[in-house]
Amino acid sequence: MSVEIKKTAVNLFSKKGYSGTSVRDITKSLGITPAALYAHFGSKEELFLKVFAEGWEEIIKEVKDIIISSEGKPYKDILHDVYTHYVTAYIKDKQRTVFVLRNVMFPPDELREKVFDIFYKNASEFNIHMKEIFNECIEKGIIKDLPLQEHEDIFYKFVDCFLFEITAINKVITLDEIEKHWMFYWTLIENRR
């Protein structure tokens, strides 16, 4: 039952926001009583934070899986795979991705600090993996010898422009657009000796 509750909550929080979604809305959608929901989650806040955290954890887990399974691949391909995954995560589970991203950009006022704590914890874990990749690429002369922070900033700025379009204007991004964007990004950071 908790899986169904979480799925319904993500759907409603995505459409109506945290403040606009009541426990009654969730339970009515599921055909259960509030007591049944409270048997799994102590409050609406607990449910919201749980699905928000799980959304980020899943995205980070998928990125880690890409990195782990890419042993022996050229670093350019690893960066491409991570970049593409990060931008296309919404295709796999659009509802979850839009929910997570919108709430990072526009967190509920009463949960702002808790939302940012969850986000920064997951972002810092992701950044550790990205720093390792960028560091290896710099050491091997594959990408420009810039400070790691600059490489992170460039990567996130490129990814963020798509994520903004996905979450703010609900734009569907094509794989062709992603590839063109990737090539522009790569030409910007590639070390052309």
Protein backbone atom coordinates (compact mmCIF):
# COMPACT_ATOMS: atom_id res chain seq x y z
CA MET A 1 0.00 0.00 0.00
CA SER A 2 2.83 2.47 0.75
CA VAL A 3 3.99 2.24 -2.91
CA GLU A 4 0.51 3.22 -4.14
CA ILE A 5 0.33 6.03 -1.60
CA LYS A 6 3.71 7.41 -2.70
CA LYS A 7 2.84 7.19 -6.40
CA THR A 8 -0.48 8.97 -5.87
CA ALA A 9 1.19 11.59 -3.67
CA VAL A 10 3.82 12.37 -6.33
CA ASN A 11 1.06 12.74 -8.92
CA LEU A 12 -0.99 15.09 -6.73
CA PHE A 13 1.98 17.07 -5.38
CA SER A 14 3.14 17.55 -9.00
CA LYS A 15 -0.24 18.84 -10.12
CA LYS A 16 -1.42 20.79 -7.07
CA GLY A 17 1.75 21.51 -5.11
CA TYR A 18 2.37 20.69 -1.47
CA SER A 19 0.02 23.30 -0.04
CA GLY A 20 -2.72 22.53 -2.56
CA THR A 21 -2.71 18.80 -1.80
CA SER A 22 -4.48 17.57 1.30
CA VAL A 23 -4.33 14.19 2.99
CA ARG A 24 -8.00 13.89 2.02
CA ASP A 25 -7.06 14.39 -1.68
CA ILE A 26 -4.55 11.54 -1.46
CA THR A 27 -6.80 9.16 0.42
CA LYS A 28 -9.81 9.95 -1.78
CA SER A 29 -7.74 9.19 -4.92
CA LEU A 30 -6.80 5.83 -3.43
CA GLY A 31 -10.17 5.00 -1.90
CA ILE A 32 -8.66 4.62 1.57
CA THR A 33 -9.18 6.33 4.91
CA PRO A 34 -6.77 8.90 6.38
CA ALA A 35 -6.06 6.34 9.12
CA ALA A 36 -4.81 3.91 6.45
CA LEU A 37 -2.42 6.58 5.13
CA TYR A 38 -1.24 7.44 8.64
CA ALA A 39 -0.47 3.77 9.25
CA HIS A 40 2.31 4.19 6.66
CA PHE A 41 3.26 7.87 7.00
CA GLY A 42 2.94 9.99 10.13
CA SER A 43 1.99 13.17 8.27
CA LYS A 44 1.65 14.81 4.87
CA GLU A 45 5.06 16.39 5.47
CA GLU A 46 6.66 13.00 6.14
CA LEU A 47 5.10 11.58 2.96
CA PHE A 48 6.23 14.56 0.87
CA LEU A 49 9.82 14.43 2.15
CA LYS A 50 9.93 10.66 1.67
CA VAL A 51 8.90 10.78 -1.99
CA PHE A 52 11.14 13.80 -2.61
CA ALA A 53 14.18 12.04 -1.10
CA GLU A 54 13.45 8.79 -2.94
CA GLY A 55 13.17 10.68 -6.23
CA TRP A 56 16.65 12.15 -5.85
CA GLU A 57 18.12 8.91 -4.54
CA GLU A 58 16.84 7.05 -7.59
CA ILE A 59 18.33 9.58 -10.02
CA ILE A 60 21.70 9.43 -8.21
CA LYS A 61 21.60 5.61 -8.08
CA GLU A 62 21.02 5.49 -11.83
CA VAL A 63 24.00 7.79 -12.43
CA LYS A 64 26.19 5.66 -10.13
CA ASP A 65 25.11 2.57 -12.06
CA ILE A 66 26.13 4.25 -15.33
CA ILE A 67 29.56 5.09 -13.91
CA ILE A 68 30.09 1.63 -12.39
CA SER A 69 29.07 -0.17 -15.58
CA SER A 70 31.27 2.04 -17.76
CA GLU A 71 34.61 0.62 -16.66
CA GLY A 72 36.97 0.59 -19.63
CA LYS A 73 34.87 3.00 -21.69
CA PRO A 74 36.45 6.20 -23.01
CA TYR A 75 35.86 9.11 -20.63
CA LYS A 76 34.09 11.08 -23.34
CA ASP A 77 31.51 8.27 -23.59
CA ILE A 78 31.10 8.13 -19.80
CA LEU A 79 30.47 11.88 -19.62
CA HIS A 80 28.07 11.58 -22.56
CA ASP A 81 26.15 8.78 -20.84
CA VAL A 82 25.89 10.70 -17.55
CA TYR A 83 24.89 13.90 -19.36
CA THR A 84 22.28 12.12 -21.46
CA HIS A 85 20.88 10.25 -18.46
CA TYR A 86 20.64 13.38 -16.37
CA VAL A 87 18.71 15.19 -19.11
CA THR A 88 16.51 12.22 -20.12
CA ALA A 89 15.68 10.96 -16.62
CA TYR A 90 12.31 12.62 -17.11
CA ILE A 91 11.54 10.27 -20.03
CA LYS A 92 11.87 7.26 -17.76
CA ASP A 93 9.61 8.70 -15.07
CA LYS A 94 8.41 12.16 -16.05
CA GLN A 95 6.08 12.56 -13.07
CA ARG A 96 8.85 11.83 -10.55
CA THR A 97 11.44 13.97 -12.29
CA VAL A 98 9.17 16.99 -12.71
CA PHE A 99 8.05 16.64 -9.07
CA VAL A 100 11.64 16.54 -7.81
CA LEU A 101 12.94 19.35 -10.01
CA ARG A 102 10.02 21.71 -9.42
CA ASN A 103 10.36 21.28 -5.68
CA VAL A 104 14.07 22.09 -5.81
CA MET A 105 13.33 25.23 -7.82
CA PHE A 106 10.19 26.18 -5.90
CA PRO A 107 10.16 24.34 -2.57
CA PRO A 108 7.18 24.68 -0.25
CA ASP A 109 8.01 27.61 2.07
CA GLU A 110 7.40 25.56 5.21
CA LEU A 111 9.71 22.77 4.00
CA ARG A 112 12.38 24.84 2.23
CA GLU A 113 15.22 23.97 4.61
CA LYS A 114 14.40 20.24 4.68
CA VAL A 115 14.04 20.09 0.88
CA PHE A 116 17.39 21.81 0.39
CA ASP A 117 19.07 19.50 2.92
CA ILE A 118 17.89 16.48 0.93
CA PHE A 119 18.88 18.07 -2.37
CA TYR A 120 22.37 19.12 -1.25
CA LYS A 121 23.07 15.72 0.32
CA ASN A 122 22.27 14.01 -2.98
CA ALA A 123 23.93 16.67 -5.11
CA SER A 124 27.17 16.42 -3.13
CA GLU A 125 27.19 12.64 -3.63
CA PHE A 126 26.70 13.14 -7.37
CA ASN A 127 29.42 15.82 -7.43
CA ILE A 128 31.95 13.41 -5.92
CA HIS A 129 31.52 11.10 -8.92
CA MET A 130 31.62 13.98 -11.40
CA LYS A 131 34.79 15.42 -9.85
CA GLU A 132 36.49 12.02 -10.22
CA ILE A 133 35.54 11.88 -13.91
CA PHE A 134 36.59 15.48 -14.59
CA ASN A 135 39.85 14.96 -12.69
CA GLU A 136 40.72 11.85 -14.72
CA CYS A 137 39.85 13.67 -17.97
CA ILE A 138 42.08 16.62 -17.05
CA GLU A 139 44.98 14.35 -16.01
CA LYS A 140 44.75 12.44 -19.30
CA GLY A 141 44.50 15.65 -21.32
CA ILE A 142 41.03 14.82 -22.63
CA ILE A 143 39.37 18.04 -21.45
CA LYS A 144 40.72 21.53 -20.86
CA ASP A 145 42.79 22.05 -17.74
CA LEU A 146 40.29 24.21 -15.89
CA PRO A 147 39.58 24.17 -12.15
CA LEU A 148 37.19 21.34 -11.23
CA GLN A 149 34.60 23.85 -10.06
CA GLU A 150 34.53 25.43 -13.53
CA HIS A 151 33.95 22.04 -15.13
CA GLU A 152 31.12 21.34 -12.69
CA ASP A 153 29.58 24.76 -13.33
CA ILE A 154 29.70 24.32 -17.10
CA PHE A 155 28.20 20.82 -16.90
CA TYR A 156 25.33 21.91 -14.66
CA LYS A 157 24.58 25.05 -16.67
CA PHE A 158 24.19 22.96 -19.80
CA VAL A 159 22.03 20.37 -18.06
CA ASP A 160 19.98 22.99 -16.22
CA CYS A 161 18.82 24.74 -19.39
CA PHE A 162 17.02 21.53 -20.46
CA LEU A 163 15.75 20.83 -16.97
CA PHE A 164 14.27 24.32 -16.80
CA GLU A 165 12.41 23.78 -20.07
CA ILE A 166 11.13 20.41 -18.87
CA THR A 167 9.88 21.66 -15.51
CA ALA A 168 8.88 25.26 -16.16
CA ILE A 169 7.28 25.02 -19.58
CA ASN A 170 6.69 21.26 -19.79
CA LYS A 171 8.66 21.04 -23.04
CA VAL A 172 9.37 17.64 -24.53
CA ILE A 173 13.07 17.42 -25.39
CA THR A 174 14.02 15.27 -28.37
CA LEU A 175 17.06 12.98 -28.47
CA ASP A 176 18.29 14.98 -31.48
CA GLU A 177 18.24 18.19 -29.41
CA ILE A 178 20.12 16.44 -26.62
CA GLU A 179 22.82 15.22 -29.03
CA LYS A 180 23.27 18.68 -30.59
CA HIS A 181 23.47 20.18 -27.12
CA TRP A 182 25.98 17.51 -26.05
CA MET A 183 28.23 18.21 -29.06
CA PHE A 184 28.22 21.92 -28.26
CA TYR A 185 29.08 21.14 -24.62
CA TRP A 186 31.85 18.73 -25.64
CA THR A 187 33.45 21.23 -28.06
CA LEU A 188 33.49 23.74 -25.24
CA ILE A 189 35.40 21.52 -22.79
CA GLU A 190 37.44 19.28 -25.10
CA ASN A 191 41.20 19.72 -25.03
CA ARG A 192 42.14 20.13 -28.68
CA ARG A 193 45.90 19.73 -28.50
